[in-house]
N, C-alpha and C. Protein backbone atom coordinates (compact mmCIF):
# COMPACT_ATOMS: atom_id res chain seq x y z
N MET A 1 30.16 10.84 59.34
CA MET A 1 28.89 10.18 59.04
C MET A 1 28.71 10.14 57.53
N GLY A 2 28.49 8.96 56.97
CA GLY A 2 28.37 8.79 55.53
C GLY A 2 26.92 8.62 55.09
N PHE A 3 26.78 8.45 53.81
CA PHE A 3 25.46 8.22 53.25
C PHE A 3 25.01 6.80 53.53
N THR A 4 23.74 6.64 53.79
CA THR A 4 23.18 5.29 53.93
C THR A 4 22.84 4.79 52.54
N ASN A 5 22.53 3.51 52.44
CA ASN A 5 22.13 2.96 51.15
C ASN A 5 20.89 3.66 50.61
N MET A 6 19.96 4.01 51.52
CA MET A 6 18.74 4.69 51.11
C MET A 6 19.06 6.07 50.54
N ASP A 7 19.99 6.80 51.19
CA ASP A 7 20.38 8.12 50.69
C ASP A 7 21.01 8.01 49.31
N LYS A 8 21.85 7.01 49.09
CA LYS A 8 22.51 6.81 47.81
C LYS A 8 21.49 6.49 46.72
N LYS A 9 20.49 5.68 47.08
CA LYS A 9 19.45 5.32 46.12
C LYS A 9 18.64 6.55 45.74
N THR A 10 18.30 7.38 46.72
CA THR A 10 17.54 8.60 46.46
C THR A 10 18.33 9.56 45.58
N LEU A 11 19.62 9.71 45.85
CA LEU A 11 20.46 10.58 45.03
C LEU A 11 20.54 10.07 43.60
N GLN A 12 20.64 8.77 43.43
CA GLN A 12 20.70 8.18 42.09
C GLN A 12 19.38 8.41 41.35
N GLN A 13 18.27 8.25 42.05
CA GLN A 13 16.96 8.50 41.43
C GLN A 13 16.82 9.96 41.02
N ASP A 14 17.28 10.86 41.86
CA ASP A 14 17.22 12.28 41.53
C ASP A 14 18.05 12.59 40.29
N LYS A 15 19.21 11.98 40.18
CA LYS A 15 20.05 12.18 39.00
C LYS A 15 19.36 11.67 37.74
N GLU A 16 18.71 10.52 37.85
CA GLU A 16 17.99 9.96 36.70
C GLU A 16 16.84 10.86 36.27
N ILE A 17 16.13 11.40 37.23
CA ILE A 17 15.02 12.30 36.93
C ILE A 17 15.53 13.54 36.19
N LEU A 18 16.63 14.09 36.65
CA LEU A 18 17.21 15.27 36.00
C LEU A 18 17.64 14.96 34.57
N LYS A 19 18.16 13.77 34.33
CA LYS A 19 18.56 13.37 32.98
C LYS A 19 17.34 13.28 32.06
N GLN A 20 16.21 12.85 32.60
CA GLN A 20 15.03 12.61 31.80
C GLN A 20 14.21 13.88 31.53
N GLN A 21 14.45 14.92 32.30
CA GLN A 21 13.68 16.14 32.10
C GLN A 21 14.07 16.78 30.79
N HIS A 22 13.07 17.31 30.09
CA HIS A 22 13.30 17.93 28.79
C HIS A 22 13.29 19.44 28.94
N THR A 23 14.01 20.07 28.06
CA THR A 23 14.00 21.52 28.06
C THR A 23 12.75 22.01 27.35
N GLY A 24 12.39 23.24 27.54
CA GLY A 24 11.23 23.82 26.87
C GLY A 24 11.38 23.78 25.36
N ASN A 25 12.61 23.91 24.87
CA ASN A 25 12.86 23.89 23.44
C ASN A 25 12.55 22.52 22.85
N ASP A 26 12.89 21.45 23.57
CA ASP A 26 12.59 20.09 23.12
C ASP A 26 11.09 19.90 22.96
N VAL A 27 10.35 20.43 23.90
CA VAL A 27 8.89 20.29 23.86
C VAL A 27 8.31 21.04 22.66
N LYS A 28 8.80 22.24 22.40
CA LYS A 28 8.31 23.02 21.26
C LYS A 28 8.60 22.32 19.94
N ILE A 29 9.78 21.74 19.82
CA ILE A 29 10.13 21.02 18.60
C ILE A 29 9.21 19.81 18.41
N ALA A 30 8.95 19.10 19.49
CA ALA A 30 8.07 17.93 19.41
C ALA A 30 6.65 18.34 19.06
N GLU A 31 6.16 19.46 19.61
CA GLU A 31 4.81 19.93 19.30
C GLU A 31 4.68 20.29 17.82
N LYS A 32 5.68 20.97 17.28
CA LYS A 32 5.65 21.34 15.86
C LYS A 32 5.66 20.11 14.97
N ALA A 33 6.46 19.12 15.33
CA ALA A 33 6.52 17.88 14.56
C ALA A 33 5.18 17.15 14.62
N ALA A 34 4.56 17.13 15.78
CA ALA A 34 3.26 16.47 15.93
C ALA A 34 2.19 17.19 15.12
N GLU A 35 2.18 18.52 15.14
CA GLU A 35 1.21 19.28 14.36
C GLU A 35 1.37 19.01 12.86
N ALA A 36 2.60 18.93 12.40
CA ALA A 36 2.85 18.64 10.99
C ALA A 36 2.35 17.25 10.63
N ASP A 37 2.57 16.28 11.51
CA ASP A 37 2.09 14.92 11.27
C ASP A 37 0.57 14.87 11.23
N ILE A 38 -0.09 15.61 12.12
CA ILE A 38 -1.55 15.63 12.16
C ILE A 38 -2.11 16.24 10.89
N GLU A 39 -1.48 17.31 10.41
CA GLU A 39 -1.96 17.96 9.18
C GLU A 39 -1.84 17.03 7.98
N LYS A 40 -0.85 16.16 7.96
CA LYS A 40 -0.65 15.22 6.86
C LYS A 40 -1.60 14.03 6.93
N ASP A 41 -2.10 13.70 8.10
CA ASP A 41 -2.93 12.52 8.30
C ASP A 41 -4.39 12.84 8.00
N VAL A 42 -4.92 12.21 6.96
CA VAL A 42 -6.28 12.47 6.53
C VAL A 42 -7.30 12.13 7.62
N ASP A 43 -7.04 11.08 8.38
CA ASP A 43 -7.97 10.66 9.42
C ASP A 43 -8.04 11.64 10.59
N LEU A 44 -6.99 12.43 10.79
CA LEU A 44 -6.96 13.36 11.91
C LEU A 44 -7.28 14.80 11.52
N THR A 45 -7.35 15.07 10.23
CA THR A 45 -7.61 16.41 9.76
C THR A 45 -9.09 16.53 9.39
N PRO A 46 -9.81 17.49 9.96
CA PRO A 46 -11.22 17.63 9.64
C PRO A 46 -11.40 18.05 8.18
N PRO A 47 -12.49 17.63 7.57
CA PRO A 47 -12.73 18.02 6.17
C PRO A 47 -12.94 19.53 6.07
N PRO A 48 -12.60 20.11 4.95
CA PRO A 48 -12.80 21.55 4.80
C PRO A 48 -14.28 21.90 4.82
N ASP A 49 -14.59 23.07 5.32
CA ASP A 49 -15.98 23.53 5.36
C ASP A 49 -16.35 24.03 3.98
N LEU A 50 -17.24 23.33 3.32
CA LEU A 50 -17.62 23.70 1.96
C LEU A 50 -18.32 25.05 1.90
N GLY A 51 -18.91 25.48 3.00
CA GLY A 51 -19.60 26.77 3.03
C GLY A 51 -18.65 27.94 2.84
N ASN A 52 -17.40 27.75 3.14
CA ASN A 52 -16.43 28.83 2.99
C ASN A 52 -16.17 29.17 1.54
N ASP A 53 -16.34 28.22 0.63
CA ASP A 53 -16.03 28.44 -0.78
C ASP A 53 -17.26 28.81 -1.61
N ARG A 54 -18.40 28.89 -1.04
CA ARG A 54 -19.63 29.17 -1.79
C ARG A 54 -20.04 30.63 -1.66
N ASP A 55 -20.64 31.12 -2.70
CA ASP A 55 -21.12 32.50 -2.63
C ASP A 55 -22.51 32.52 -2.01
N GLU A 56 -23.04 33.71 -1.78
CA GLU A 56 -24.33 33.83 -1.09
C GLU A 56 -25.46 33.16 -1.84
N GLY A 57 -25.45 33.20 -3.15
CA GLY A 57 -26.51 32.56 -3.95
C GLY A 57 -26.51 31.06 -3.77
N GLU A 58 -25.34 30.46 -3.81
CA GLU A 58 -25.26 29.01 -3.63
C GLU A 58 -25.70 28.61 -2.23
N LEU A 59 -25.28 29.38 -1.23
CA LEU A 59 -25.67 29.06 0.15
C LEU A 59 -27.17 29.20 0.33
N ALA A 60 -27.76 30.23 -0.23
CA ALA A 60 -29.22 30.41 -0.11
C ALA A 60 -29.96 29.27 -0.79
N ARG A 61 -29.49 28.85 -1.95
CA ARG A 61 -30.13 27.74 -2.68
C ARG A 61 -30.03 26.45 -1.88
N LEU A 62 -28.86 26.19 -1.31
CA LEU A 62 -28.69 24.97 -0.53
C LEU A 62 -29.49 24.98 0.76
N GLU A 63 -29.61 26.14 1.39
CA GLU A 63 -30.40 26.23 2.63
C GLU A 63 -31.87 26.00 2.32
N GLY A 64 -32.35 26.41 1.16
CA GLY A 64 -33.74 26.21 0.78
C GLY A 64 -34.08 24.78 0.48
N GLU A 65 -33.08 23.94 0.22
CA GLU A 65 -33.32 22.53 -0.11
C GLU A 65 -33.55 21.68 1.12
N ASP A 66 -33.27 22.17 2.30
CA ASP A 66 -33.42 21.36 3.52
C ASP A 66 -34.82 20.97 3.80
């Protein structure tokens, strides 16, 4: 008893799926590359919090201006 055409097609599809699957290492490399690209892109990087660079006197003065 041999394979039917449907069985052959299913086996071929399974082989294609296995070829397309990525290893965990590939995913980690892609994530690191994406993070680096995001950090370089001004539109995707949030502006720095100016409150982090101010001392308590400056923050108190600015809060009083509201």
